[in-house]
Protein backbone atom coordinates (compact mmCIF):
# COMPACT_ATOMS: atom_id res chain seq x y z
CA UNK A 1 106.14 111.88 114.78
CA UNK A 2 102.66 111.08 116.01
CA UNK A 3 101.06 107.61 116.14
CA UNK A 4 97.53 106.81 117.25
CA UNK A 5 95.99 104.09 119.36
CA UNK A 6 92.66 103.50 117.63
CA UNK A 7 89.99 102.94 120.29
CA UNK A 8 87.02 104.87 118.96
CA UNK A 9 86.12 107.85 121.13
CA UNK A 10 88.94 106.86 123.53
CA UNK A 11 91.65 106.97 120.86
CA UNK A 12 94.78 108.86 121.80
CA UNK A 13 98.09 110.01 120.30
CA UNK A 14 101.57 108.72 120.96
CA UNK A 15 103.86 111.68 120.40
CA UNK A 16 107.47 110.66 119.67
CA UNK A 17 109.49 113.85 119.40
CA UNK A 18 112.87 114.93 120.82
CA UNK A 19 112.26 117.79 123.25
CA UNK A 20 108.48 117.31 123.55
CA UNK A 21 108.70 117.06 127.35
CA UNK A 22 109.43 120.78 127.61
CA UNK A 23 107.56 121.93 124.49
CA UNK A 24 104.78 124.34 125.55
CA UNK A 25 102.96 124.03 122.21
CA UNK A 26 103.01 120.24 122.33
CA UNK A 27 101.42 120.28 125.76
CA UNK A 28 98.82 122.82 124.65
CA UNK A 29 97.64 120.30 122.05
CA UNK A 30 97.46 117.44 124.54
CA UNK A 31 95.77 118.84 127.67
CA UNK A 32 93.24 121.58 128.28
CA UNK A 33 92.93 121.09 132.04
CA UNK A 34 93.62 123.96 134.41
CA UNK A 35 94.45 121.63 137.32
CA UNK A 36 97.49 119.36 136.92
CA UNK A 37 99.29 116.97 139.28
CA UNK A 38 102.64 115.51 138.24
CA UNK A 39 103.57 112.20 139.88
CA UNK A 40 107.24 111.29 139.61
CA UNK A 41 110.04 109.70 141.64
CA UNK A 42 113.17 110.79 143.42
CA UNK A 43 115.44 109.68 140.56
CA UNK A 44 113.60 111.38 137.70
CA UNK A 45 112.55 114.56 139.55
CA UNK A 46 116.02 116.18 139.70
CA UNK A 47 116.48 115.55 135.98
CA UNK A 48 113.19 116.53 134.35
CA UNK A 49 110.62 117.84 136.82
CA UNK A 50 111.59 121.52 136.56
CA UNK A 51 111.44 121.48 132.76
CA UNK A 52 108.01 119.87 132.78
CA UNK A 53 106.71 122.25 135.46
CA UNK A 54 107.87 125.23 133.39
CA UNK A 55 106.19 123.95 130.24
CA UNK A 56 102.89 123.23 131.98
CA UNK A 57 102.76 126.45 133.96
CA UNK A 58 103.38 128.56 130.85
CA UNK A 59 99.66 128.58 130.05
CA UNK A 60 98.64 129.61 133.57
CA UNK A 61 97.73 126.18 134.85
CA UNK A 62 97.80 125.22 138.52
CA UNK A 63 100.48 122.53 138.73
CA UNK A 64 101.38 120.46 141.79
CA UNK A 65 103.88 117.63 142.02
CA UNK A 66 104.36 114.55 144.16
CA UNK A 67 107.77 112.85 144.36
CA UNK A 68 107.73 109.18 145.37
CA UNK A 69 110.43 106.67 146.22
CA UNK A 70 111.97 104.94 143.22
CA UNK A 71 111.91 101.26 142.36
CA UNK A 72 109.77 98.18 141.76
CA UNK A 73 109.83 97.45 145.51
CA UNK A 74 107.58 100.50 146.01
CA UNK A 75 104.95 99.50 143.45
CA UNK A 76 102.47 98.54 146.15
CA UNK A 77 99.35 99.56 148.02
CA UNK A 78 101.29 101.70 150.50
CA UNK A 79 102.72 103.92 147.76
CA UNK A 80 99.37 104.04 145.98
CA UNK A 81 97.83 105.33 149.20
CA UNK A 82 100.42 108.12 149.23
CA UNK A 83 99.04 109.28 145.87
CA UNK A 84 95.46 109.17 147.15
CA UNK A 85 96.46 111.04 150.32
CA UNK A 86 98.13 113.76 148.27
CA UNK A 87 95.12 114.22 145.99
CA UNK A 88 92.55 114.19 148.79
CA UNK A 89 94.46 116.48 151.13
CA UNK A 90 94.70 119.10 148.38
CA UNK A 91 91.08 118.73 147.24
CA UNK A 92 92.06 117.74 143.72
CA UNK A 93 88.89 117.61 141.62
CA UNK A 94 87.81 115.00 139.12
CA UNK A 95 88.44 117.56 136.35
CA UNK A 96 92.16 117.47 137.04
CA UNK A 97 94.72 115.53 135.04
CA UNK A 98 97.50 113.40 136.47
CA UNK A 99 100.81 113.24 134.63
CA UNK A 100 103.02 110.20 135.14
CA UNK A 101 106.65 111.34 134.78
CA UNK A 102 108.86 108.28 135.14
CA UNK A 103 109.29 104.66 134.18
CA UNK A 104 106.87 101.76 134.25
CA UNK A 105 106.38 101.79 138.01
CA UNK A 106 105.31 105.44 138.08
CA UNK A 107 103.19 104.99 134.96
CA UNK A 108 101.38 101.93 136.30
CA UNK A 109 100.68 103.42 139.73
CA UNK A 110 99.66 106.84 138.45
CA UNK A 111 97.39 105.22 135.90
CA UNK A 112 95.76 103.06 138.55
CA UNK A 113 95.29 106.09 140.80
CA UNK A 114 93.68 107.90 137.85
CA UNK A 115 91.40 104.93 137.17
CA UNK A 116 90.13 104.88 140.75
CA UNK A 117 90.35 108.39 142.20
CA UNK A 118 86.80 109.77 142.31
CA UNK A 119 85.93 106.83 140.04
CA UNK A 120 88.21 108.02 137.29
CA UNK A 121 90.12 111.11 136.16
CA UNK A 122 92.34 111.84 133.16
CA UNK A 123 96.04 111.07 133.00
CA UNK A 124 98.95 111.39 130.59
CA UNK A 125 102.01 109.16 130.31
CA UNK A 126 105.47 110.77 130.08
CA UNK A 127 107.72 107.69 130.08
CA UNK A 128 111.38 108.24 130.89
CA UNK A 129 112.82 104.74 130.44
CA UNK A 130 113.10 102.78 127.21
CA UNK A 131 110.97 99.98 128.66
CA UNK A 132 108.13 102.34 129.52
CA UNK A 133 108.42 104.19 126.21
CA UNK A 134 108.05 101.06 124.10
CA UNK A 135 105.70 99.04 126.28
CA UNK A 136 104.10 99.93 129.60
CA UNK A 137 103.02 103.49 128.74
CA UNK A 138 100.95 102.31 125.77
CA UNK A 139 97.80 100.24 126.08
CA UNK A 140 96.17 101.24 129.36
CA UNK A 141 97.36 98.48 131.69
CA UNK A 142 97.73 99.94 135.19
CA UNK A 143 98.21 98.43 138.61
CA UNK A 144 100.37 97.47 141.55
CA UNK A 145 102.18 94.38 142.74
CA UNK A 146 101.14 92.03 145.52
CA UNK A 147 103.59 89.83 147.44
CA UNK A 148 101.94 86.80 145.82
CA UNK A 149 102.04 88.09 142.25
CA UNK A 150 103.12 90.91 139.94
CA UNK A 151 100.46 93.29 138.60
CA UNK A 152 97.68 91.19 140.08
CA UNK A 153 95.75 94.27 141.24
CA UNK A 154 94.90 96.87 138.64
CA UNK A 155 92.59 98.20 135.95
CA UNK A 156 92.52 99.06 132.27
CA UNK A 157 92.71 102.85 132.01
CA UNK A 158 93.74 104.44 128.73
CA UNK A 159 95.72 107.70 128.94
CA UNK A 160 94.81 110.91 127.15
CA UNK A 161 98.18 110.78 125.41
CA UNK A 162 101.67 109.32 125.61
CA UNK A 163 104.45 111.90 125.32
CA UNK A 164 107.74 110.21 124.41
CA UNK A 165 110.87 112.34 124.46
CA UNK A 166 113.80 110.19 123.25
CA UNK A 167 116.29 112.73 124.61
CA UNK A 168 115.59 111.61 128.19
CA UNK A 169 117.21 108.27 127.39
CA UNK A 170 120.62 109.96 127.35
CA UNK A 171 120.57 109.90 131.17
CA UNK A 172 119.34 106.28 131.37
CA UNK A 173 121.74 103.86 133.11
CA UNK A 174 123.05 101.08 130.88
CA UNK A 175 121.30 98.40 132.91
CA UNK A 176 117.94 100.15 132.47
CA UNK A 177 118.62 100.54 128.75
CA UNK A 178 119.17 96.80 128.40
CA UNK A 179 116.01 96.11 130.39
CA UNK A 180 114.06 98.19 127.89
CA UNK A 181 115.65 96.40 124.96
CA UNK A 182 114.09 93.17 126.21
CA UNK A 183 110.64 94.53 125.35
CA UNK A 184 111.90 95.84 122.00
CA UNK A 185 113.28 92.40 121.11
CA UNK A 186 109.96 90.90 122.16
CA UNK A 187 108.10 92.71 119.37
CA UNK A 188 110.40 91.22 116.75
CA UNK A 189 110.03 87.73 118.19
CA UNK A 190 106.23 87.75 118.42
CA UNK A 191 105.06 89.78 115.45
CA UNK A 192 107.72 91.17 113.10
CA UNK A 193 110.60 89.03 111.83
CA UNK A 194 111.89 91.90 109.68
CA UNK A 195 112.12 94.10 112.77
CA UNK A 196 113.99 91.30 114.55
CA UNK A 197 116.51 91.27 111.70
CA UNK A 198 116.80 95.06 111.92
CA UNK A 199 117.57 94.72 115.63
CA UNK A 200 120.31 92.19 114.90
CA UNK A 201 121.98 94.79 112.65
CA UNK A 202 121.41 97.82 114.86
CA UNK A 203 121.81 96.52 118.41
CA UNK A 204 125.28 98.16 118.76
CA UNK A 205 123.72 101.51 117.78
CA UNK A 206 120.95 101.10 120.32
CA UNK A 207 123.40 100.21 123.08
CA UNK A 208 125.43 103.31 122.15
CA UNK A 209 122.26 105.46 122.52
CA UNK A 210 122.30 106.49 118.87
CA UNK A 211 119.35 108.89 118.66
CA UNK A 212 118.05 107.90 115.23
CA UNK A 213 118.31 104.19 115.99
CA UNK A 214 116.44 104.70 119.26
CA UNK A 215 113.69 106.70 117.56
CA UNK A 216 113.28 104.01 114.90
CA UNK A 217 113.06 101.25 117.52
CA UNK A 218 110.60 103.23 119.64
CA UNK A 219 108.39 104.06 116.66
CA UNK A 220 108.21 100.47 115.42
CA UNK A 221 107.62 99.06 118.90
CA UNK A 222 104.86 101.57 119.66
CA UNK A 223 103.17 100.99 116.30
CA UNK A 224 103.12 97.22 116.89
CA UNK A 225 101.80 97.70 120.42
CA UNK A 226 99.16 100.19 119.25
CA UNK A 227 97.93 97.83 116.52
CA UNK A 228 97.64 94.92 118.94
CA UNK A 229 95.88 97.01 121.61
CA UNK A 230 93.43 98.38 119.05
CA UNK A 231 92.55 94.81 118.06
CA UNK A 232 92.19 93.54 121.64
CA UNK A 233 92.11 96.25 124.31
CA UNK A 234 91.40 94.10 127.38
CA UNK A 235 93.52 91.07 126.47
CA UNK A 236 90.79 88.62 125.55
CA UNK A 237 92.76 87.27 122.61
CA UNK A 238 95.72 88.43 120.51
CA UNK A 239 97.00 90.99 123.04
CA UNK A 240 98.20 88.15 125.25
CA UNK A 241 101.09 87.51 122.84
CA UNK A 242 102.67 90.67 124.29
CA UNK A 243 103.42 88.55 127.36
CA UNK A 244 106.13 86.46 125.71
CA UNK A 245 108.56 85.53 128.47
CA UNK A 246 106.49 87.28 131.12
CA UNK A 247 105.06 84.21 132.83
CA UNK A 248 108.58 82.90 133.43
CA UNK A 249 109.84 86.42 134.16
CA UNK A 250 107.14 87.28 136.68
CA UNK A 251 107.98 84.06 138.53
CA UNK A 252 111.60 85.23 138.77
CA UNK A 253 110.56 88.66 140.06
CA UNK A 254 108.18 87.26 142.66
CA UNK A 255 110.68 84.68 143.90
CA UNK A 256 113.70 86.99 143.99
CA UNK A 257 111.82 89.98 145.41
CA UNK A 258 110.59 92.86 143.29
CA UNK A 259 113.46 95.04 142.16
CA UNK A 260 116.24 92.49 142.66
CA UNK A 261 116.09 91.77 138.95
CA UNK A 262 114.75 94.53 136.72
CA UNK A 263 111.53 93.64 134.93
CA UNK A 264 113.25 93.62 131.55
CA UNK A 265 116.02 91.38 132.84
CA UNK A 266 113.47 88.84 134.06
CA UNK A 267 111.62 89.07 130.74
CA UNK A 268 114.89 88.54 128.86
CA UNK A 269 115.56 85.29 130.71
CA UNK A 270 111.88 84.40 130.39
CA UNK A 271 111.93 84.81 126.61
CA UNK A 272 114.91 82.47 126.40
CA UNK A 273 112.97 79.90 128.42
CA UNK A 274 109.90 80.34 126.21
CA UNK A 275 112.09 79.85 123.14
CA UNK A 276 113.62 76.75 124.72
CA UNK A 277 110.19 75.23 125.36
CA UNK A 278 109.12 76.14 121.81
CA UNK A 279 112.21 74.32 120.52
CA UNK A 280 111.47 71.25 122.68
CA UNK A 281 107.90 71.25 121.30
CA UNK A 282 109.32 71.00 117.79
CA UNK A 283 107.89 74.38 116.78
CA UNK A 284 110.89 76.73 116.77
CA UNK A 285 113.93 75.54 114.84
CA UNK A 286 117.40 75.48 116.40
CA UNK A 287 118.79 78.23 114.16
CA UNK A 288 116.00 80.61 115.22
CA UNK A 289 116.54 79.69 118.85
CA UNK A 290 120.21 80.52 118.49
CA UNK A 291 119.44 83.90 116.88
CA UNK A 292 117.02 84.78 119.69
CA UNK A 293 119.47 83.82 122.43
CA UNK A 294 122.33 85.64 120.72
CA UNK A 295 120.35 88.89 120.37
CA UNK A 296 119.15 88.78 123.97
CA UNK A 297 122.72 88.14 125.11
CA UNK A 298 124.16 90.96 122.95
CA UNK A 299 121.63 93.29 124.61
CA UNK A 300 123.36 92.44 127.93
CA UNK A 301 120.35 90.56 129.30
CA UNK A 302 120.36 87.33 131.31
CA UNK A 303 119.90 84.14 129.30
CA UNK A 304 119.54 81.83 132.29
CA UNK A 305 117.43 81.75 135.44
CA UNK A 306 118.68 83.04 138.82
CA UNK A 307 121.06 80.72 140.69
CA UNK A 308 119.25 78.72 143.35
CA UNK A 309 115.75 79.07 141.93
CA UNK A 310 114.05 75.69 141.61
CA UNK A 311 111.64 74.28 139.05
CA UNK A 312 109.11 73.87 141.85
CA UNK A 313 109.35 77.58 142.68
CA UNK A 314 108.79 78.48 139.04
CA UNK A 315 105.70 76.29 138.87
CA UNK A 316 104.32 77.66 142.14
CA UNK A 317 104.46 81.24 140.87
CA UNK A 318 103.37 80.37 137.35
CA UNK A 319 100.22 78.74 138.71
CA UNK A 320 99.08 82.22 139.80
CA UNK A 321 99.61 83.76 136.36
CA UNK A 322 96.72 85.81 134.95
CA UNK A 323 96.66 83.61 131.85
CA UNK A 324 95.66 80.52 133.87
CA UNK A 325 92.17 79.44 132.77
CA UNK A 326 90.14 76.65 134.39
CA UNK A 327 93.27 75.52 136.18
CA UNK A 328 95.27 75.28 132.96
CA UNK A 329 98.42 77.32 132.46
CA UNK A 330 98.62 79.11 129.10
CA UNK A 331 101.97 80.22 127.78
CA UNK A 332 103.12 82.46 124.96
CA UNK A 333 105.34 80.34 122.73
CA UNK A 334 106.86 80.79 119.27
CA UNK A 335 105.91 78.82 116.19
CA UNK A 336 108.65 80.69 114.31
CA UNK A 337 110.45 84.01 114.51
CA UNK A 338 107.77 86.68 114.19
CA UNK A 339 104.85 84.42 115.00
CA UNK A 340 103.68 83.73 118.55
CA UNK A 341 100.78 81.72 119.92
CA UNK A 342 99.04 81.70 123.31
CA UNK A 343 98.43 78.08 124.17
CA UNK A 344 97.87 75.48 126.83
CA UNK A 345 98.62 72.84 124.18
CA UNK A 346 102.15 72.12 125.30
CA UNK A 347 103.54 68.97 126.86
CA UNK A 348 103.85 69.34 130.61
CA UNK A 349 106.81 66.97 130.67
CA UNK A 350 108.65 69.25 128.25
CA UNK A 351 107.89 72.28 130.43
CA UNK A 352 109.32 70.37 133.39
CA UNK A 353 112.39 69.46 131.32
CA UNK A 354 112.82 73.11 130.34
CA UNK A 355 112.59 74.32 133.94
CA UNK A 356 114.88 71.57 135.21
CA UNK A 357 117.45 72.42 132.53
CA UNK A 358 117.61 76.10 133.46
CA UNK A 359 117.39 75.54 137.21
CA UNK A 360 120.29 73.07 137.07
CA UNK A 361 122.57 75.96 136.16
CA UNK A 362 122.82 75.14 132.48
CA UNK A 363 122.69 78.00 130.01
CA UNK A 364 120.51 78.46 126.97
CA UNK A 365 123.49 77.74 124.76
CA UNK A 366 123.42 74.17 126.02
CA UNK A 367 119.88 73.75 124.67
CA UNK A 368 120.88 74.14 121.01
């Protein structure tokens, strides 16, 4: 299957096809560059690098590869410099194409390198985790972390294409699978109540890595993301709803140290907190809150904040969120299942109550 992100002359395909990673013909349609650099990590390389190298070299291309350390802890300026060093030391031209083979960390860093190397070269996303397949590989957000905030340094850089091979998920650890399901659940919560209901019915299939269920979830998630990106590429409006749970989640990641909780785990807990605040505001009803918490829990994601994290620590990190405008924090909250809003029109006392509730060690189940 092939979807399209509609961005005028910068539109690009999302190819969702089992086996496309090693399909010579599929790659021939996507890139016409003679000079290729694959950027991957030490976890993914032993699994899929050889197959990708073989497919790309079949047409006589010059293909180099760089293998980086794995993990969110390495999504920083030091690792980014390793990419620049590799490209410069090998005289890689601006007519080359970078290929990001890995999860969200590799995709974000490779994309940022592509956005900035010689003021911009082409790149292709080959996401190998569920989270990157349904979210980070689509839409052109690239960047690195800073000790004071997640993804605070970056650029919008759309890829030439996104090549999604669902078969690679068969080697994905269960924890990483659940982390990806957080972003899948997010789409149902913010924009598609029918998809949320489908997820309630098919979550056991997804957790069991049922191929058809995974393809269906990936397709729907990518279509929703593509539609939202096409409407608001640089997040000036509606695209911000994609950050449901992320303001709370990023605070968890920054406080705990990047990589201690997976991004999707932090987002899972963050979505529960966003639902809780929506309930306290009188927007989301208790039955919908219960459904959201139950689905997040069934996906084996956290539904409470990390032990020992204080409300003050949450607020300190949230104050640096990219959605802060004129000193006012804006949050993505739910008016109902399938309908999100980005707003600063929430009661601060209720936010404090929400944070105090979760930081006291109480679970989401005690909110409803």
